[in-house]
């Protein structure tokens, strides 16, 4: 039997494989003011919420953002940001991606 939580120096750590998978599909989300994220996207009321999100700081593409549908490229730079909650009025587009090509957990 494996422990679900361990404590080191008074800090508790939870096993990654014990965490529930986030709701929603992985999508590239383009927001106004040039913000582009990838994460588990779900519309919740007047907001688009991304969980396990990464900011796509550098696309690393030669033919546009659509090249990232099949996963990040060697020149793509991603920054972990956790959860992003943006108003729907800031949403420019949602781009479906190949789910197995993006590793976000």
Protein backbone atom coordinates (compact mmCIF):
# COMPACT_ATOMS: atom_id res chain seq x y z
CA UNK A 1 0.00 0.00 0.00
CA UNK A 2 1.44 3.36 -1.08
CA UNK A 3 0.84 6.51 0.97
CA UNK A 4 -1.28 9.21 -0.68
CA UNK A 5 0.39 12.01 1.30
CA UNK A 6 3.92 12.33 2.64
CA UNK A 7 5.30 14.99 4.94
CA UNK A 8 8.80 16.44 4.57
CA UNK A 9 9.98 19.32 6.75
CA UNK A 10 6.39 19.94 7.89
CA UNK A 11 5.15 20.29 4.27
CA UNK A 12 2.59 17.77 2.98
CA UNK A 13 2.96 16.44 -0.58
CA UNK A 14 0.19 14.60 -2.46
CA UNK A 15 0.88 11.83 -4.96
CA UNK A 16 0.39 13.08 -8.51
CA UNK A 17 -1.44 9.92 -9.58
CA UNK A 18 -3.96 10.35 -6.75
CA UNK A 19 -5.19 13.71 -8.08
CA UNK A 20 -8.43 13.69 -10.10
CA UNK A 21 -8.10 14.59 -13.77
CA UNK A 22 -9.27 18.14 -14.57
CA UNK A 23 -12.62 18.68 -16.29
CA UNK A 24 -12.71 19.71 -19.92
CA UNK A 25 -10.60 19.07 -22.97
CA UNK A 26 -7.13 20.43 -23.53
CA UNK A 27 -7.43 23.47 -25.79
CA UNK A 28 -5.34 26.41 -26.91
CA UNK A 29 -7.08 29.55 -25.68
CA UNK A 30 -6.42 32.92 -27.29
CA UNK A 31 -7.38 35.93 -25.20
CA UNK A 32 -7.30 39.62 -25.98
CA UNK A 33 -4.11 41.63 -25.38
CA UNK A 34 -2.06 38.80 -26.90
CA UNK A 35 -2.35 36.17 -24.16
CA UNK A 36 -2.23 32.57 -25.41
CA UNK A 37 -2.60 29.60 -23.08
CA UNK A 38 -3.03 25.85 -23.31
CA UNK A 39 -4.89 23.93 -20.63
CA UNK A 40 -8.00 22.00 -19.66
CA UNK A 41 -10.60 24.53 -20.79
CA UNK A 42 -14.17 24.74 -19.59
CA UNK A 43 -16.80 27.48 -19.81
CA UNK A 44 -18.12 28.25 -16.33
CA UNK A 45 -20.78 30.94 -16.32
CA UNK A 46 -19.30 34.14 -17.77
CA UNK A 47 -15.72 32.81 -17.64
CA UNK A 48 -13.44 30.44 -19.47
CA UNK A 49 -11.44 28.53 -16.87
CA UNK A 50 -8.19 26.73 -17.70
CA UNK A 51 -6.73 24.25 -15.28
CA UNK A 52 -3.15 22.94 -15.37
CA UNK A 53 -2.58 25.83 -17.75
CA UNK A 54 0.60 26.90 -19.45
CA UNK A 55 1.23 30.27 -21.06
CA UNK A 56 2.52 29.80 -24.61
CA UNK A 57 5.21 32.49 -24.40
CA UNK A 58 6.94 31.56 -27.68
CA UNK A 59 5.04 29.58 -30.30
CA UNK A 60 8.14 28.29 -32.09
CA UNK A 61 6.16 27.88 -35.31
CA UNK A 62 6.80 28.98 -38.89
CA UNK A 63 3.20 28.75 -40.12
CA UNK A 64 1.19 30.07 -37.20
CA UNK A 65 -0.49 28.90 -34.04
CA UNK A 66 -2.32 26.06 -35.80
CA UNK A 67 0.94 24.09 -35.94
CA UNK A 68 0.63 23.52 -32.19
CA UNK A 69 -2.54 21.43 -32.59
CA UNK A 70 -0.29 18.36 -32.73
CA UNK A 71 1.66 19.36 -29.62
CA UNK A 72 4.45 21.77 -28.77
CA UNK A 73 7.40 22.08 -31.16
CA UNK A 74 11.08 22.16 -30.27
CA UNK A 75 11.03 25.97 -30.29
CA UNK A 76 7.84 26.32 -28.24
CA UNK A 77 8.35 27.94 -24.81
CA UNK A 78 5.73 27.21 -22.12
CA UNK A 79 5.40 28.69 -18.65
CA UNK A 80 3.34 27.00 -15.93
CA UNK A 81 0.59 29.26 -14.63
CA UNK A 82 -1.78 26.87 -12.82
CA UNK A 83 -5.40 28.00 -13.10
CA UNK A 84 -6.46 30.86 -15.37
CA UNK A 85 -9.94 32.38 -15.16
CA UNK A 86 -10.73 34.89 -17.90
CA UNK A 87 -14.01 36.65 -18.73
CA UNK A 88 -15.69 35.36 -21.89
CA UNK A 89 -15.60 38.89 -23.33
CA UNK A 90 -11.77 38.54 -23.43
CA UNK A 91 -11.95 35.24 -25.36
CA UNK A 92 -10.82 35.47 -29.00
CA UNK A 93 -10.75 31.77 -29.88
CA UNK A 94 -10.58 28.19 -28.61
CA UNK A 95 -8.47 25.78 -30.66
CA UNK A 96 -9.00 22.03 -30.27
CA UNK A 97 -5.78 20.02 -30.01
CA UNK A 98 -4.79 16.38 -30.19
CA UNK A 99 -5.30 15.43 -26.54
CA UNK A 100 -2.56 12.80 -26.38
CA UNK A 101 0.09 15.17 -27.82
CA UNK A 102 -0.13 17.66 -24.95
CA UNK A 103 1.17 16.63 -21.52
CA UNK A 104 -0.17 19.06 -18.90
CA UNK A 105 -0.33 17.12 -15.64
